[in-house]
Amino acid sequence: MGDAGCAPRPGCEMRDAGCVRQSNPLLRDSGTLSLVPRRYLSAMRRLQKLDTWRGAQELARAAYLLTTTPTVSKHFALVDQIRRAAISIPANIAEGYALGTTAQFVRCLKIALGSSTELLSHLTLLKSLGLMPETELQPCIDLCERVVAMTIGLIRRLMSR
């Protein structure tokens, strides 16, 4: 038996990571294979209900949009760092959530927390350099602080179990 109880069966190919393809009876007529095993679909739906992940997604979108403004977009190194930190936050939360153990989830949440505070530092730098009006920047800073607080709260709750 492979990873997470996925035994080889017709329509299922095995790789090192376990069951990677599974025939979808709804798509059998077209011959298309579903690349996502059904057991992961409900986990993804639960991830989308996680407030911390939703806040991180919103933050990533807001931070990314900030970097498209003309005054900021010409600062390539800073824009690159803001974008990388911003997209790393929800990605690490999702990765930890999918790994299946509390310890792994907490480890990934700590990485997401590091990326959140890194992003907060970059946004604070934008503010101090005057590259963007504070009225446009402050909502993103506030959202970043909220995501930091939510991530810390989730880590504490998971570690107290």
N, C-alpha and C. Protein backbone atom coordinates (compact mmCIF):
# COMPACT_ATOMS: atom_id res chain seq x y z
N MET A 1 0.85 -1.18 0.00
CA MET A 1 0.00 0.00 0.00
C MET A 1 0.89 1.24 0.00
N GLY A 2 0.56 2.24 -0.80
CA GLY A 2 1.36 3.45 -0.95
C GLY A 2 1.05 4.50 0.09
N ASP A 3 1.44 5.69 -0.22
CA ASP A 3 1.28 6.84 0.66
C ASP A 3 -0.18 7.09 1.00
N ALA A 4 -0.46 7.33 2.25
CA ALA A 4 -1.80 7.70 2.75
C ALA A 4 -2.88 6.71 2.34
N GLY A 5 -2.52 5.43 2.27
CA GLY A 5 -3.53 4.42 2.00
C GLY A 5 -3.96 4.33 0.56
N CYS A 6 -3.19 4.84 -0.36
CA CYS A 6 -3.56 4.79 -1.77
C CYS A 6 -2.94 3.55 -2.39
N ALA A 7 -3.72 2.51 -2.52
CA ALA A 7 -3.24 1.25 -3.09
C ALA A 7 -3.33 1.30 -4.60
N PRO A 8 -2.38 0.63 -5.29
CA PRO A 8 -2.47 0.58 -6.75
C PRO A 8 -3.78 -0.09 -7.18
N ARG A 9 -4.44 0.49 -8.13
CA ARG A 9 -5.68 -0.06 -8.65
C ARG A 9 -5.86 0.44 -10.07
N PRO A 10 -6.75 -0.14 -10.80
CA PRO A 10 -6.95 0.31 -12.18
C PRO A 10 -7.25 1.81 -12.23
N GLY A 11 -6.57 2.50 -13.13
CA GLY A 11 -6.80 3.94 -13.28
C GLY A 11 -5.96 4.77 -12.34
N CYS A 12 -5.08 4.14 -11.57
CA CYS A 12 -4.27 4.87 -10.59
C CYS A 12 -2.81 4.53 -10.81
N GLU A 13 -1.98 5.51 -11.07
CA GLU A 13 -0.55 5.29 -11.24
C GLU A 13 0.15 5.64 -9.94
N MET A 14 1.21 4.92 -9.63
CA MET A 14 1.93 5.17 -8.38
C MET A 14 3.25 5.86 -8.69
N ARG A 15 3.61 6.82 -7.86
CA ARG A 15 4.91 7.46 -7.89
C ARG A 15 5.41 7.49 -6.46
N ASP A 16 6.61 8.03 -6.24
CA ASP A 16 7.18 8.06 -4.90
C ASP A 16 6.25 8.73 -3.90
N ALA A 17 5.53 9.75 -4.32
CA ALA A 17 4.67 10.50 -3.41
C ALA A 17 3.31 9.85 -3.22
N GLY A 18 3.05 8.75 -3.88
CA GLY A 18 1.77 8.08 -3.69
C GLY A 18 0.90 8.18 -4.92
N CYS A 19 -0.38 8.18 -4.71
CA CYS A 19 -1.34 8.17 -5.81
C CYS A 19 -1.41 9.57 -6.42
N VAL A 20 -0.98 9.68 -7.67
CA VAL A 20 -0.95 10.99 -8.30
C VAL A 20 -2.03 11.17 -9.35
N ARG A 21 -2.57 10.07 -9.87
CA ARG A 21 -3.64 10.18 -10.87
C ARG A 21 -4.73 9.18 -10.55
N GLN A 22 -5.90 9.58 -10.79
CA GLN A 22 -7.03 8.70 -10.53
C GLN A 22 -8.09 8.94 -11.59
N SER A 23 -8.65 7.87 -12.11
CA SER A 23 -9.71 8.03 -13.10
C SER A 23 -10.92 8.69 -12.47
N ASN A 24 -11.48 9.62 -13.16
CA ASN A 24 -12.68 10.29 -12.70
C ASN A 24 -13.85 9.72 -13.49
N PRO A 25 -14.78 9.03 -12.82
CA PRO A 25 -15.88 8.42 -13.56
C PRO A 25 -16.70 9.43 -14.35
N LEU A 26 -16.72 10.69 -13.92
CA LEU A 26 -17.48 11.71 -14.64
C LEU A 26 -16.82 12.07 -15.96
N LEU A 27 -15.50 11.83 -16.05
CA LEU A 27 -14.76 12.22 -17.25
C LEU A 27 -14.34 11.01 -18.08
N ARG A 28 -14.82 9.82 -17.73
CA ARG A 28 -14.41 8.60 -18.40
C ARG A 28 -14.65 8.65 -19.91
N ASP A 29 -15.77 9.24 -20.32
CA ASP A 29 -16.11 9.28 -21.74
C ASP A 29 -15.09 10.08 -22.54
N SER A 30 -14.53 11.13 -21.93
CA SER A 30 -13.56 11.95 -22.65
C SER A 30 -12.15 11.38 -22.52
N GLY A 31 -11.95 10.41 -21.62
CA GLY A 31 -10.64 9.82 -21.42
C GLY A 31 -9.71 10.70 -20.60
N THR A 32 -10.22 11.77 -20.03
CA THR A 32 -9.41 12.68 -19.23
C THR A 32 -9.21 12.11 -17.84
N LEU A 33 -8.01 12.30 -17.30
CA LEU A 33 -7.72 11.86 -15.94
C LEU A 33 -7.75 13.06 -15.01
N SER A 34 -8.32 12.87 -13.85
CA SER A 34 -8.29 13.92 -12.83
C SER A 34 -6.91 13.86 -12.18
N LEU A 35 -6.22 14.97 -12.11
CA LEU A 35 -4.89 14.99 -11.51
C LEU A 35 -4.93 15.13 -10.00
N VAL A 36 -6.08 15.44 -9.44
CA VAL A 36 -6.21 15.61 -7.99
C VAL A 36 -7.05 14.47 -7.44
N PRO A 37 -6.45 13.59 -6.62
CA PRO A 37 -7.26 12.53 -6.02
C PRO A 37 -8.40 13.12 -5.20
N ARG A 38 -9.51 12.43 -5.20
CA ARG A 38 -10.71 12.94 -4.52
C ARG A 38 -10.48 13.22 -3.04
N ARG A 39 -9.61 12.46 -2.38
CA ARG A 39 -9.43 12.64 -0.94
C ARG A 39 -8.84 14.00 -0.60
N TYR A 40 -8.18 14.67 -1.56
CA TYR A 40 -7.60 15.98 -1.29
C TYR A 40 -8.59 17.11 -1.51
N LEU A 41 -9.65 16.87 -2.25
CA LEU A 41 -10.60 17.94 -2.57
C LEU A 41 -11.28 18.48 -1.32
N SER A 42 -11.68 17.60 -0.40
CA SER A 42 -12.34 18.08 0.81
C SER A 42 -11.36 18.83 1.70
N ALA A 43 -10.09 18.41 1.71
CA ALA A 43 -9.09 19.13 2.50
C ALA A 43 -8.89 20.54 1.97
N MET A 44 -8.90 20.71 0.64
CA MET A 44 -8.76 22.04 0.05
C MET A 44 -9.96 22.91 0.39
N ARG A 45 -11.13 22.32 0.41
CA ARG A 45 -12.32 23.10 0.78
C ARG A 45 -12.21 23.57 2.23
N ARG A 46 -11.66 22.71 3.10
CA ARG A 46 -11.49 23.12 4.50
C ARG A 46 -10.44 24.21 4.63
N LEU A 47 -9.38 24.14 3.82
CA LEU A 47 -8.36 25.18 3.83
C LEU A 47 -8.98 26.53 3.49
N GLN A 48 -9.88 26.55 2.53
CA GLN A 48 -10.50 27.80 2.12
C GLN A 48 -11.39 28.40 3.20
N LYS A 49 -11.73 27.62 4.21
CA LYS A 49 -12.50 28.14 5.33
C LYS A 49 -11.61 28.67 6.45
N LEU A 50 -10.31 28.44 6.37
CA LEU A 50 -9.36 28.86 7.39
C LEU A 50 -9.14 30.37 7.28
N ASP A 51 -9.54 31.11 8.32
CA ASP A 51 -9.46 32.57 8.29
C ASP A 51 -8.04 33.07 8.03
N THR A 52 -7.06 32.42 8.63
CA THR A 52 -5.67 32.85 8.47
C THR A 52 -5.25 32.76 7.00
N TRP A 53 -5.61 31.67 6.35
CA TRP A 53 -5.25 31.50 4.94
C TRP A 53 -5.99 32.52 4.07
N ARG A 54 -7.26 32.74 4.33
CA ARG A 54 -8.03 33.71 3.55
C ARG A 54 -7.45 35.12 3.72
N GLY A 55 -7.08 35.47 4.95
CA GLY A 55 -6.45 36.77 5.19
C GLY A 55 -5.12 36.89 4.47
N ALA A 56 -4.36 35.80 4.46
CA ALA A 56 -3.07 35.80 3.77
C ALA A 56 -3.25 35.94 2.26
N GLN A 57 -4.28 35.31 1.72
CA GLN A 57 -4.59 35.45 0.29
C GLN A 57 -4.93 36.90 -0.04
N GLU A 58 -5.75 37.51 0.80
CA GLU A 58 -6.14 38.91 0.60
C GLU A 58 -4.91 39.82 0.69
N LEU A 59 -4.03 39.54 1.65
CA LEU A 59 -2.81 40.32 1.81
C LEU A 59 -1.90 40.17 0.58
N ALA A 60 -1.74 38.96 0.09
CA ALA A 60 -0.88 38.73 -1.08
C ALA A 60 -1.40 39.52 -2.28
N ARG A 61 -2.71 39.51 -2.45
CA ARG A 61 -3.31 40.25 -3.56
C ARG A 61 -3.08 41.75 -3.40
N ALA A 62 -3.33 42.27 -2.19
CA ALA A 62 -3.16 43.71 -1.94
C ALA A 62 -1.71 44.14 -2.13
N ALA A 63 -0.78 43.35 -1.59
CA ALA A 63 0.64 43.69 -1.70
C ALA A 63 1.10 43.63 -3.16
N TYR A 64 0.64 42.63 -3.87
CA TYR A 64 1.01 42.51 -5.28
C TYR A 64 0.50 43.71 -6.07
N LEU A 65 -0.74 44.12 -5.81
CA LEU A 65 -1.30 45.28 -6.52
C LEU A 65 -0.55 46.57 -6.19
N LEU A 66 -0.06 46.69 -4.94
CA LEU A 66 0.73 47.87 -4.58
C LEU A 66 1.97 48.00 -5.45
N THR A 67 2.56 46.85 -5.80
CA THR A 67 3.81 46.88 -6.56
C THR A 67 3.60 47.23 -8.03
N THR A 68 2.37 47.32 -8.47
CA THR A 68 2.11 47.66 -9.87
C THR A 68 1.95 49.16 -10.09
N THR A 69 1.94 49.93 -9.01
CA THR A 69 1.82 51.39 -9.15
C THR A 69 3.12 51.95 -9.73
N PRO A 70 3.03 52.97 -10.58
CA PRO A 70 4.22 53.50 -11.27
C PRO A 70 5.35 53.94 -10.34
N THR A 71 5.02 54.55 -9.20
CA THR A 71 6.08 55.04 -8.32
C THR A 71 6.87 53.91 -7.66
N VAL A 72 6.24 52.78 -7.47
CA VAL A 72 6.90 51.65 -6.80
C VAL A 72 7.50 50.68 -7.81
N SER A 73 6.84 50.49 -8.93
CA SER A 73 7.24 49.44 -9.88
C SER A 73 8.65 49.59 -10.43
N LYS A 74 9.20 50.80 -10.42
CA LYS A 74 10.55 50.98 -10.95
C LYS A 74 11.65 50.60 -9.96
N HIS A 75 11.28 50.29 -8.73
CA HIS A 75 12.24 49.83 -7.71
C HIS A 75 12.24 48.30 -7.73
N PHE A 76 12.93 47.75 -8.73
CA PHE A 76 12.81 46.33 -9.05
C PHE A 76 13.15 45.40 -7.88
N ALA A 77 14.22 45.67 -7.17
CA ALA A 77 14.64 44.77 -6.08
C ALA A 77 13.59 44.75 -4.97
N LEU A 78 13.10 45.92 -4.61
CA LEU A 78 12.09 46.01 -3.55
C LEU A 78 10.77 45.36 -3.98
N VAL A 79 10.37 45.61 -5.22
CA VAL A 79 9.15 45.00 -5.75
C VAL A 79 9.26 43.48 -5.73
N ASP A 80 10.41 42.97 -6.15
CA ASP A 80 10.63 41.52 -6.16
C ASP A 80 10.52 40.94 -4.75
N GLN A 81 11.13 41.60 -3.78
CA GLN A 81 11.08 41.11 -2.40
C GLN A 81 9.66 41.17 -1.83
N ILE A 82 8.94 42.24 -2.13
CA ILE A 82 7.55 42.37 -1.65
C ILE A 82 6.70 41.25 -2.24
N ARG A 83 6.83 41.03 -3.53
CA ARG A 83 6.02 39.99 -4.19
C ARG A 83 6.36 38.61 -3.67
N ARG A 84 7.64 38.31 -3.51
CA ARG A 84 8.04 36.99 -3.03
C ARG A 84 7.55 36.74 -1.60
N ALA A 85 7.71 37.74 -0.74
CA ALA A 85 7.26 37.57 0.64
C ALA A 85 5.74 37.42 0.68
N ALA A 86 5.04 38.23 -0.10
CA ALA A 86 3.57 38.22 -0.07
C ALA A 86 3.00 36.88 -0.54
N ILE A 87 3.50 36.35 -1.64
CA ILE A 87 2.94 35.09 -2.14
C ILE A 87 3.39 33.89 -1.32
N SER A 88 4.47 34.06 -0.58
CA SER A 88 4.97 32.97 0.26
C SER A 88 4.04 32.71 1.45
N ILE A 89 3.35 33.72 1.93
CA ILE A 89 2.54 33.59 3.14
C ILE A 89 1.40 32.59 2.95
N PRO A 90 0.47 32.80 2.02
CA PRO A 90 -0.61 31.81 1.87
C PRO A 90 -0.11 30.47 1.35
N ALA A 91 0.97 30.49 0.57
CA ALA A 91 1.51 29.24 0.04
C ALA A 91 2.04 28.35 1.17
N ASN A 92 2.73 28.94 2.14
CA ASN A 92 3.25 28.15 3.26
C ASN A 92 2.13 27.67 4.18
N ILE A 93 1.11 28.48 4.36
CA ILE A 93 -0.04 28.04 5.17
C ILE A 93 -0.70 26.85 4.50
N ALA A 94 -0.90 26.93 3.19
CA ALA A 94 -1.53 25.83 2.45
C ALA A 94 -0.66 24.58 2.49
N GLU A 95 0.64 24.75 2.33
CA GLU A 95 1.55 23.60 2.36
C GLU A 95 1.50 22.89 3.71
N GLY A 96 1.59 23.67 4.78
CA GLY A 96 1.54 23.07 6.11
C GLY A 96 0.22 22.40 6.39
N TYR A 97 -0.85 23.00 5.94
CA TYR A 97 -2.19 22.43 6.14
C TYR A 97 -2.30 21.08 5.44
N ALA A 98 -1.71 20.98 4.26
CA ALA A 98 -1.81 19.75 3.47
C ALA A 98 -0.90 18.64 3.98
N LEU A 99 0.13 18.97 4.75
CA LEU A 99 1.09 17.95 5.18
C LEU A 99 0.51 16.97 6.18
N GLY A 100 -0.50 17.36 6.90
CA GLY A 100 -1.24 16.38 7.68
C GLY A 100 -0.92 16.24 9.15
N THR A 101 0.23 16.72 9.62
CA THR A 101 0.50 16.62 11.05
C THR A 101 0.55 18.01 11.65
N THR A 102 0.23 18.10 12.93
CA THR A 102 0.24 19.39 13.61
C THR A 102 1.64 19.98 13.62
N ALA A 103 2.66 19.15 13.87
CA ALA A 103 4.04 19.64 13.92
C ALA A 103 4.46 20.25 12.58
N GLN A 104 4.11 19.59 11.49
CA GLN A 104 4.47 20.11 10.17
C GLN A 104 3.68 21.38 9.85
N PHE A 105 2.43 21.42 10.27
CA PHE A 105 1.61 22.61 10.05
C PHE A 105 2.20 23.79 10.81
N VAL A 106 2.57 23.58 12.07
CA VAL A 106 3.16 24.65 12.89
C VAL A 106 4.47 25.13 12.26
N ARG A 107 5.29 24.21 11.78
CA ARG A 107 6.57 24.58 11.15
C ARG A 107 6.31 25.50 9.95
N CYS A 108 5.36 25.14 9.10
CA CYS A 108 5.04 25.96 7.93
C CYS A 108 4.39 27.29 8.33
N LEU A 109 3.60 27.28 9.39
CA LEU A 109 3.01 28.53 9.89
C LEU A 109 4.10 29.48 10.37
N LYS A 110 5.14 28.93 10.99
CA LYS A 110 6.25 29.78 11.44
C LYS A 110 6.99 30.38 10.26
N ILE A 111 7.11 29.63 9.18
CA ILE A 111 7.72 30.17 7.96
C ILE A 111 6.84 31.28 7.39
N ALA A 112 5.52 31.05 7.38
CA ALA A 112 4.57 32.07 6.91
C ALA A 112 4.64 33.31 7.79
N LEU A 113 4.82 33.11 9.10
CA LEU A 113 4.95 34.24 10.02
C LEU A 113 6.21 35.05 9.69
N GLY A 114 7.30 34.35 9.40
CA GLY A 114 8.53 35.04 9.00
C GLY A 114 8.32 35.85 7.73
N SER A 115 7.63 35.28 6.77
CA SER A 115 7.35 35.99 5.52
C SER A 115 6.43 37.19 5.76
N SER A 116 5.49 37.04 6.69
CA SER A 116 4.58 38.15 7.02
C SER A 116 5.33 39.32 7.62
N THR A 117 6.23 39.03 8.54
CA THR A 117 6.98 40.11 9.17
C THR A 117 8.00 40.71 8.19
N GLU A 118 8.51 39.88 7.29
CA GLU A 118 9.39 40.40 6.23
C GLU A 118 8.60 41.38 5.35
N LEU A 119 7.40 40.99 4.96
CA LEU A 119 6.55 41.86 4.15
C LEU A 119 6.24 43.16 4.90
N LEU A 120 5.94 43.04 6.18
CA LEU A 120 5.66 44.23 6.99
C LEU A 120 6.86 45.17 7.00
N SER A 121 8.06 44.61 7.07
CA SER A 121 9.27 45.42 7.03
C SER A 121 9.41 46.14 5.69
N HIS A 122 9.13 45.44 4.59
CA HIS A 122 9.22 46.06 3.26
C HIS A 122 8.17 47.17 3.10
N LEU A 123 6.97 46.93 3.60
CA LEU A 123 5.92 47.94 3.50
C LEU A 123 6.27 49.17 4.33
N THR A 124 6.87 48.94 5.49
CA THR A 124 7.30 50.05 6.35
C THR A 124 8.39 50.86 5.64
N LEU A 125 9.27 50.17 4.91
CA LEU A 125 10.30 50.85 4.15
C LEU A 125 9.69 51.71 3.04
N LEU A 126 8.69 51.17 2.34
CA LEU A 126 7.99 51.96 1.33
C LEU A 126 7.44 53.25 1.94
N LYS A 127 6.87 53.10 3.12
CA LYS A 127 6.28 54.25 3.82
C LYS A 127 7.36 55.27 4.18
N SER A 128 8.47 54.80 4.75
CA SER A 128 9.51 55.73 5.20
C SER A 128 10.23 56.40 4.02
N LEU A 129 10.29 55.73 2.88
CA LEU A 129 10.91 56.33 1.69
C LEU A 129 9.95 57.28 0.96
N GLY A 130 8.69 57.26 1.34
CA GLY A 130 7.70 58.12 0.71
C GLY A 130 7.41 57.73 -0.74
N LEU A 131 7.57 56.45 -1.05
CA LEU A 131 7.34 56.00 -2.43
C LEU A 131 5.87 55.84 -2.76
N MET A 132 5.04 55.90 -1.74
CA MET A 132 3.60 55.72 -1.95
C MET A 132 2.86 56.54 -0.90
N PRO A 133 1.74 57.14 -1.27
CA PRO A 133 0.96 57.88 -0.28
C PRO A 133 0.53 56.97 0.88
N GLU A 134 0.62 57.49 2.07
CA GLU A 134 0.27 56.70 3.26
C GLU A 134 -1.17 56.21 3.22
N THR A 135 -2.06 56.99 2.61
CA THR A 135 -3.46 56.58 2.53
C THR A 135 -3.64 55.30 1.71
N GLU A 136 -2.76 55.08 0.73
CA GLU A 136 -2.83 53.86 -0.07
C GLU A 136 -2.10 52.70 0.60
N LEU A 137 -1.06 53.02 1.34
CA LEU A 137 -0.21 51.99 1.94
C LEU A 137 -0.73 51.47 3.27
N GLN A 138 -1.33 52.34 4.07
CA GLN A 138 -1.74 51.97 5.42
C GLN A 138 -2.72 50.79 5.48
N PRO A 139 -3.72 50.70 4.59
CA PRO A 139 -4.60 49.53 4.65
C PRO A 139 -3.85 48.20 4.47
N CYS A 140 -2.83 48.20 3.62
CA CYS A 140 -2.05 46.99 3.42
C CYS A 140 -1.19 46.67 4.65
N ILE A 141 -0.64 47.70 5.27
CA ILE A 141 0.13 47.51 6.51
C ILE A 141 -0.79 46.97 7.60
N ASP A 142 -1.98 47.54 7.73
CA ASP A 142 -2.95 47.05 8.73
C ASP A 142 -3.32 45.60 8.49
N LEU A 143 -3.55 45.25 7.23
CA LEU A 143 -3.89 43.87 6.89
C LEU A 143 -2.72 42.93 7.21
N CYS A 144 -1.51 43.38 6.94
CA CYS A 144 -0.33 42.58 7.23
C CYS A 144 -0.21 42.34 8.74
N GLU A 145 -0.43 43.37 9.53
CA GLU A 145 -0.39 43.22 10.99
C GLU A 145 -1.48 42.26 11.47
N ARG A 146 -2.64 42.30 10.83
CA ARG A 146 -3.72 41.38 11.19
C ARG A 146 -3.36 39.94 10.85
N VAL A 147 -2.74 39.72 9.70
CA VAL A 147 -2.32 38.37 9.31
C VAL A 147 -1.24 37.86 10.26
N VAL A 148 -0.31 38.72 10.67
CA VAL A 148 0.71 38.33 11.65
C VAL A 148 0.02 37.88 12.94
N ALA A 149 -0.92 38.66 13.43
CA ALA A 149 -1.63 38.32 14.67
C ALA A 149 -2.42 37.02 14.52
N MET A 150 -3.10 36.84 13.39
CA MET A 150 -3.87 35.62 13.17
C MET A 150 -2.96 34.39 13.11
N THR A 151 -1.81 34.54 12.47
CA THR A 151 -0.86 33.43 12.36
C THR A 151 -0.30 33.06 13.72
N ILE A 152 0.06 34.06 14.52
CA ILE A 152 0.54 33.80 15.88
C ILE A 152 -0.54 33.10 16.69
N GLY A 153 -1.77 33.57 16.58
CA GLY A 153 -2.88 32.95 17.31
C GLY A 153 -3.09 31.50 16.92
N LEU A 154 -3.00 31.20 15.63
CA LEU A 154 -3.17 29.83 15.16
C LEU A 154 -2.02 28.94 15.64
N ILE A 155 -0.80 29.46 15.60
CA ILE A 155 0.35 28.69 16.10
C ILE A 155 0.15 28.37 17.58
N ARG A 156 -0.22 29.37 18.37
CA ARG A 156 -0.43 29.14 19.82
C ARG A 156 -1.53 28.12 20.07
N ARG A 157 -2.61 28.22 19.32
CA ARG A 157 -3.72 27.29 19.51
C ARG A 157 -3.30 25.86 19.17
N LEU A 158 -2.56 25.70 18.09
CA LEU A 158 -2.11 24.36 17.69
C LEU A 158 -1.08 23.79 18.66
N MET A 159 -0.22 24.64 19.19
CA MET A 159 0.82 24.16 20.11
C MET A 159 0.26 23.83 21.49
N SER A 160 -0.91 24.37 21.81
CA SER A 160 -1.50 24.10 23.13
C SER A 160 -2.26 22.78 23.17
N ARG A 161 -2.40 22.14 22.03
CA ARG A 161 -3.12 20.86 21.97
C ARG A 161 -2.33 19.76 22.61
